Amino acid sequence: MRKLTQWFLFSAVLLASPAFAEMKIAVLNYQMALLESDAAKRYAVDAEKKFGPQLNKLKSLEDDAKRIQDRLVKDGEKLSTAERERLELEFKQKARDFQFQSKELNEAKAVADRDMLKQLKPKLDKAVEEIISKGNFDLVIERGAVVDVKPQYDITRQVIERMNQMR
């Protein structure tokens, strides 16, 4: 029975080979097409400007907490009980502030990222459709599903260029 199944599969492949050979196939890295577009690059610069101050504030909180922790480890035994308790309390407060502000920043960045994606996805989809139609491709495979591909079969750059041309 197993040999019959193998023979059937082998026969099916041989019969399908001419039709498969005539197919026009392309590969697309959808995520790269989105992230490498001019609009996405502009968004990244704008996001850096918008969220940069919050990120710097978080870095400062982290540095302060690290400095306090280092002092507690290094001088902990030499400090008075009151001073050690004050530093431990200050460390805990900085850690709480860091967690709270980090969560706020992550949520704000996620909202901004979703908004950007909502704006860019229709343009990307339209660019993909145009390139597929123009190239008369029968099958387009996501790059992540492919082990290796020759550059002439990858339409990602074409999609990025087309997307950058759109207004």
C-alpha atoms as a PDB file:
ATOM      1  CA  MET A   1       0.000   0.000   0.000  1.00  0.00           C
ATOM      2  CA  ARG A   2       2.829   2.386   0.873  1.00  0.00           C
ATOM      3  CA  LYS A   3       4.569   1.790  -2.454  1.00  0.00           C
ATOM      4  CA  LEU A   4       1.289   2.451  -4.271  1.00  0.00           C
ATOM      5  CA  THR A   5       0.923   5.788  -2.424  1.00  0.00           C
ATOM      6  CA  GLN A   6       4.511   6.770  -3.244  1.00  0.00           C
ATOM      7  CA  TRP A   7       4.026   5.808  -6.899  1.00  0.00           C
ATOM      8  CA  PHE A   8       0.807   7.854  -7.053  1.00  0.00           C
ATOM      9  CA  LEU A   9       2.507  10.922  -5.543  1.00  0.00           C
ATOM     10  CA  PHE A  10       5.469  10.565  -7.908  1.00  0.00           C
ATOM     11  CA  SER A  11       3.093  10.312 -10.903  1.00  0.00           C
ATOM     12  CA  ALA A  12       1.140  13.375  -9.747  1.00  0.00           C
ATOM     13  CA  VAL A  13       4.350  15.404  -9.487  1.00  0.00           C
ATOM     14  CA  LEU A  14       5.423  14.372 -12.965  1.00  0.00           C
ATOM     15  CA  LEU A  15       2.046  15.263 -14.453  1.00  0.00           C
ATOM     16  CA  ALA A  16       1.907  18.625 -12.636  1.00  0.00           C
ATOM     17  CA  SER A  17       5.474  19.618 -13.518  1.00  0.00           C
ATOM     18  CA  PRO A  18       4.714  21.257 -16.886  1.00  0.00           C
ATOM     19  CA  ALA A  19       1.927  23.385 -15.397  1.00  0.00           C
ATOM     20  CA  PHE A  20       4.113  24.316 -12.426  1.00  0.00           C
ATOM     21  CA  ALA A  21       7.024  25.219 -14.699  1.00  0.00           C
ATOM     22  CA  GLU A  22       4.840  27.782 -16.491  1.00  0.00           C
ATOM     23  CA  MET A  23       3.814  29.540 -13.284  1.00  0.00           C
ATOM     24  CA  LYS A  24       5.307  32.932 -12.594  1.00  0.00           C
ATOM     25  CA  ILE A  25       6.377  32.994  -8.935  1.00  0.00           C
ATOM     26  CA  ALA A  26       7.658  35.832  -6.775  1.00  0.00           C
ATOM     27  CA  VAL A  27       8.740  36.299  -3.176  1.00  0.00           C
ATOM     28  CA  LEU A  28       7.834  39.295  -0.998  1.00  0.00           C
ATOM     29  CA  ASN A  29       9.155  40.348   2.383  1.00  0.00           C
ATOM     30  CA  TYR A  30       5.990  42.142   3.504  1.00  0.00           C
ATOM     31  CA  GLN A  31       7.440  43.454   6.763  1.00  0.00           C
ATOM     32  CA  MET A  32      10.575  44.784   5.085  1.00  0.00           C
ATOM     33  CA  ALA A  33       8.463  46.491   2.415  1.00  0.00           C
ATOM     34  CA  LEU A  34       6.546  48.265   5.147  1.00  0.00           C
ATOM     35  CA  LEU A  35       9.512  49.221   7.329  1.00  0.00           C
ATOM     36  CA  GLU A  36      11.807  50.315   4.498  1.00  0.00           C
ATOM     37  CA  SER A  37       9.278  52.686   2.950  1.00  0.00           C
ATOM     38  CA  ASP A  38       9.945  56.414   3.154  1.00  0.00           C
ATOM     39  CA  ALA A  39       6.774  56.914   5.218  1.00  0.00           C
ATOM     40  CA  ALA A  40       7.872  54.347   7.823  1.00  0.00           C
ATOM     41  CA  LYS A  41      11.326  55.906   8.019  1.00  0.00           C
ATOM     42  CA  ARG A  42       9.762  59.341   8.573  1.00  0.00           C
ATOM     43  CA  TYR A  43       7.556  57.842  11.284  1.00  0.00           C
ATOM     44  CA  ALA A  44      10.614  56.351  13.011  1.00  0.00           C
ATOM     45  CA  VAL A  45      12.329  59.752  13.088  1.00  0.00           C
ATOM     46  CA  ASP A  46       9.156  61.461  14.345  1.00  0.00           C
ATOM     47  CA  ALA A  47       8.635  58.773  17.001  1.00  0.00           C
ATOM     48  CA  GLU A  48      12.223  59.234  18.170  1.00  0.00           C
ATOM     49  CA  LYS A  49      11.588  62.957  18.594  1.00  0.00           C
ATOM     50  CA  LYS A  50       8.212  62.412  20.247  1.00  0.00           C
ATOM     51  CA  PHE A  51       9.236  59.649  22.656  1.00  0.00           C
ATOM     52  CA  GLY A  52      12.895  60.619  23.105  1.00  0.00           C
ATOM     53  CA  PRO A  53      12.361  62.805  26.189  1.00  0.00           C
ATOM     54  CA  GLN A  54      10.383  60.055  27.929  1.00  0.00           C
ATOM     55  CA  LEU A  55      13.069  57.545  27.041  1.00  0.00           C
ATOM     56  CA  ASN A  56      15.765  59.850  28.462  1.00  0.00           C
ATOM     57  CA  LYS A  57      13.734  60.242  31.654  1.00  0.00           C
ATOM     58  CA  LEU A  58      13.513  56.449  31.975  1.00  0.00           C
ATOM     59  CA  LYS A  59      17.261  56.120  31.431  1.00  0.00           C
ATOM     60  CA  SER A  60      17.861  58.713  34.147  1.00  0.00           C
ATOM     61  CA  LEU A  61      15.593  56.841  36.580  1.00  0.00           C
ATOM     62  CA  GLU A  62      17.399  53.607  35.784  1.00  0.00           C
ATOM     63  CA  ASP A  63      20.800  55.229  36.346  1.00  0.00           C
ATOM     64  CA  ASP A  64      19.667  56.727  39.664  1.00  0.00           C
ATOM     65  CA  ALA A  65      18.308  53.389  40.870  1.00  0.00           C
ATOM     66  CA  LYS A  66      21.513  51.630  39.834  1.00  0.00           C
ATOM     67  CA  ARG A  67      23.616  54.235  41.648  1.00  0.00           C
ATOM     68  CA  ILE A  68      21.552  53.782  44.843  1.00  0.00           C
ATOM     69  CA  GLN A  69      21.745  49.999  44.581  1.00  0.00           C
ATOM     70  CA  ASP A  70      25.511  50.127  44.090  1.00  0.00           C
ATOM     71  CA  ARG A  71      25.868  52.358  47.135  1.00  0.00           C
ATOM     72  CA  LEU A  72      23.739  49.992  49.227  1.00  0.00           C
ATOM     73  CA  VAL A  73      25.868  47.023  48.164  1.00  0.00           C
ATOM     74  CA  LYS A  74      29.198  48.824  48.578  1.00  0.00           C
ATOM     75  CA  ASP A  75      28.547  50.837  51.744  1.00  0.00           C
ATOM     76  CA  GLY A  76      25.585  48.956  53.200  1.00  0.00           C
ATOM     77  CA  GLU A  77      27.342  47.783  56.344  1.00  0.00           C
ATOM     78  CA  LYS A  78      28.915  51.191  57.006  1.00  0.00           C
ATOM     79  CA  LEU A  79      25.624  53.101  56.718  1.00  0.00           C
ATOM     80  CA  SER A  80      23.466  53.888  59.695  1.00  0.00           C
ATOM     81  CA  THR A  81      20.170  52.039  59.876  1.00  0.00           C
ATOM     82  CA  ALA A  82      18.228  55.227  59.113  1.00  0.00           C
ATOM     83  CA  GLU A  83      20.401  56.044  56.087  1.00  0.00           C
ATOM     84  CA  ARG A  84      20.152  52.477  54.749  1.00  0.00           C
ATOM     85  CA  GLU A  85      16.357  52.464  55.162  1.00  0.00           C
ATOM     86  CA  ARG A  86      16.134  55.851  53.430  1.00  0.00           C
ATOM     87  CA  LEU A  87      18.198  54.562  50.487  1.00  0.00           C
ATOM     88  CA  GLU A  88      16.175  51.350  50.271  1.00  0.00           C
ATOM     89  CA  LEU A  89      12.947  53.369  50.235  1.00  0.00           C
ATOM     90  CA  GLU A  90      14.352  55.718  47.590  1.00  0.00           C
ATOM     91  CA  PHE A  91      15.446  52.720  45.491  1.00  0.00           C
ATOM     92  CA  LYS A  92      11.970  51.145  45.713  1.00  0.00           C
ATOM     93  CA  GLN A  93      10.344  54.450  44.731  1.00  0.00           C
ATOM     94  CA  LYS A  94      12.623  54.846  41.714  1.00  0.00           C
ATOM     95  CA  ALA A  95      11.913  51.249  40.686  1.00  0.00           C
ATOM     96  CA  ARG A  96       8.136  51.868  40.914  1.00  0.00           C
ATOM     97  CA  ASP A  97       8.454  55.107  38.954  1.00  0.00           C
ATOM     98  CA  PHE A  98      10.509  53.312  36.325  1.00  0.00           C
ATOM     99  CA  GLN A  99       7.944  50.525  35.956  1.00  0.00           C
ATOM    100  CA  PHE A 100       5.027  52.946  35.764  1.00  0.00           C
ATOM    101  CA  GLN A 101       6.662  55.294  33.261  1.00  0.00           C
ATOM    102  CA  SER A 102       7.988  52.404  31.211  1.00  0.00           C
ATOM    103  CA  LYS A 103       4.493  50.934  30.945  1.00  0.00           C
ATOM    104  CA  GLU A 104       3.057  54.314  29.936  1.00  0.00           C
ATOM    105  CA  LEU A 105       5.734  54.792  27.291  1.00  0.00           C
ATOM    106  CA  ASN A 106       5.230  51.293  25.877  1.00  0.00           C
ATOM    107  CA  GLU A 107       1.472  51.814  25.667  1.00  0.00           C
ATOM    108  CA  ALA A 108       1.821  55.224  23.988  1.00  0.00           C
ATOM    109  CA  LYS A 109       4.346  53.822  21.508  1.00  0.00           C
ATOM    110  CA  ALA A 110       2.088  50.850  20.740  1.00  0.00           C
ATOM    111  CA  VAL A 111      -0.847  53.172  20.017  1.00  0.00           C
ATOM    112  CA  ALA A 112       1.315  55.319  17.737  1.00  0.00           C
ATOM    113  CA  ASP A 113       2.652  52.214  15.958  1.00  0.00           C
ATOM    114  CA  ARG A 114      -0.886  50.891  15.379  1.00  0.00           C
ATOM    115  CA  ASP A 115      -1.967  54.263  13.981  1.00  0.00           C
ATOM    116  CA  MET A 116       1.005  54.312  11.629  1.00  0.00           C
ATOM    117  CA  LEU A 117       0.262  50.772  10.491  1.00  0.00           C
ATOM    118  CA  LYS A 118      -3.391  51.661   9.932  1.00  0.00           C
ATOM    119  CA  GLN A 119      -2.288  54.499   7.633  1.00  0.00           C
ATOM    120  CA  LEU A 120       0.414  52.621   5.748  1.00  0.00           C
ATOM    121  CA  LYS A 121      -1.179  49.197   5.285  1.00  0.00           C
ATOM    122  CA  PRO A 122      -3.667  50.265   2.574  1.00  0.00           C
ATOM    123  CA  LYS A 123      -0.837  51.919   0.605  1.00  0.00           C
ATOM    124  CA  LEU A 124       1.310  48.830   0.977  1.00  0.00           C
ATOM    125  CA  ASP A 125      -1.515  46.524  -0.078  1.00  0.00           C
ATOM    126  CA  LYS A 126      -2.192  48.689  -3.135  1.00  0.00           C
ATOM    127  CA  ALA A 127       1.511  48.742  -4.073  1.00  0.00           C
ATOM    128  CA  VAL A 128       1.680  44.943  -3.716  1.00  0.00           C
ATOM    129  CA  GLU A 129      -1.417  44.495  -5.907  1.00  0.00           C
ATOM    130  CA  GLU A 130      -0.004  46.806  -8.576  1.00  0.00           C
ATOM    131  CA  ILE A 131       3.369  45.032  -8.683  1.00  0.00           C
ATOM    132  CA  ILE A 132       1.707  41.600  -8.792  1.00  0.00           C
ATOM    133  CA  SER A 133      -0.616  42.726 -11.591  1.00  0.00           C
ATOM    134  CA  LYS A 134       2.171  44.470 -13.525  1.00  0.00           C
ATOM    135  CA  GLY A 135       4.448  41.432 -13.222  1.00  0.00           C
ATOM    136  CA  ASN A 136       1.603  39.032 -13.990  1.00  0.00           C
ATOM    137  CA  PHE A 137       2.601  36.746 -11.116  1.00  0.00           C
ATOM    138  CA  ASP A 138       0.619  33.575 -10.489  1.00  0.00           C
ATOM    139  CA  LEU A 139       1.972  32.984  -7.007  1.00  0.00           C
ATOM    140  CA  VAL A 140       3.557  35.301  -4.417  1.00  0.00           C
ATOM    141  CA  ILE A 141       5.116  33.714  -1.346  1.00  0.00           C
ATOM    142  CA  GLU A 142       6.010  35.483   1.913  1.00  0.00           C
ATOM    143  CA  ARG A 143       9.816  35.639   2.268  1.00  0.00           C
ATOM    144  CA  GLY A 144       9.696  34.057   5.716  1.00  0.00           C
ATOM    145  CA  ALA A 145       8.341  30.842   4.185  1.00  0.00           C
ATOM    146  CA  VAL A 146      11.254  30.528   1.755  1.00  0.00           C
ATOM    147  CA  VAL A 147      14.698  29.167   2.583  1.00  0.00           C
ATOM    148  CA  ASP A 148      16.526  30.852  -0.283  1.00  0.00           C
ATOM    149  CA  VAL A 149      15.545  32.812  -3.353  1.00  0.00           C
ATOM    150  CA  LYS A 150      17.362  34.338  -6.291  1.00  0.00           C
ATOM    151  CA  PRO A 151      17.176  38.148  -6.286  1.00  0.00           C
ATOM    152  CA  GLN A 152      15.265  38.265  -9.587  1.00  0.00           C
ATOM    153  CA  TYR A 153      12.303  36.535  -7.904  1.00  0.00           C
ATOM    154  CA  ASP A 154      12.149  38.914  -4.936  1.00  0.00           C
ATOM    155  CA  ILE A 155       9.711  41.798  -5.594  1.00  0.00           C
ATOM    156  CA  THR A 156      10.206  43.519  -2.232  1.00  0.00           C
ATOM    157  CA  ARG A 157      12.298  46.396  -3.643  1.00  0.00           C
ATOM    158  CA  GLN A 158       9.748  46.984  -6.415  1.00  0.00           C
ATOM    159  CA  VAL A 159       6.961  47.190  -3.840  1.00  0.00           C
ATOM    160  CA  ILE A 160       8.972  49.642  -1.703  1.00  0.00           C
ATOM    161  CA  GLU A 161       9.689  51.835  -4.736  1.00  0.00           C
ATOM    162  CA  ARG A 162       6.042  51.782  -5.803  1.00  0.00           C
ATOM    163  CA  MET A 163       4.893  52.615  -2.293  1.00  0.00           C
ATOM    164  CA  ASN A 164       7.326  55.542  -2.127  1.00  0.00           C
ATOM    165  CA  GLN A 165       5.872  56.881  -5.385  1.00  0.00           C
ATOM    166  CA  MET A 166       2.350  56.952  -3.950  1.00  0.00           C
ATOM    167  CA  ARG A 167       1.037  60.088  -2.301  1.00  0.00           C
END
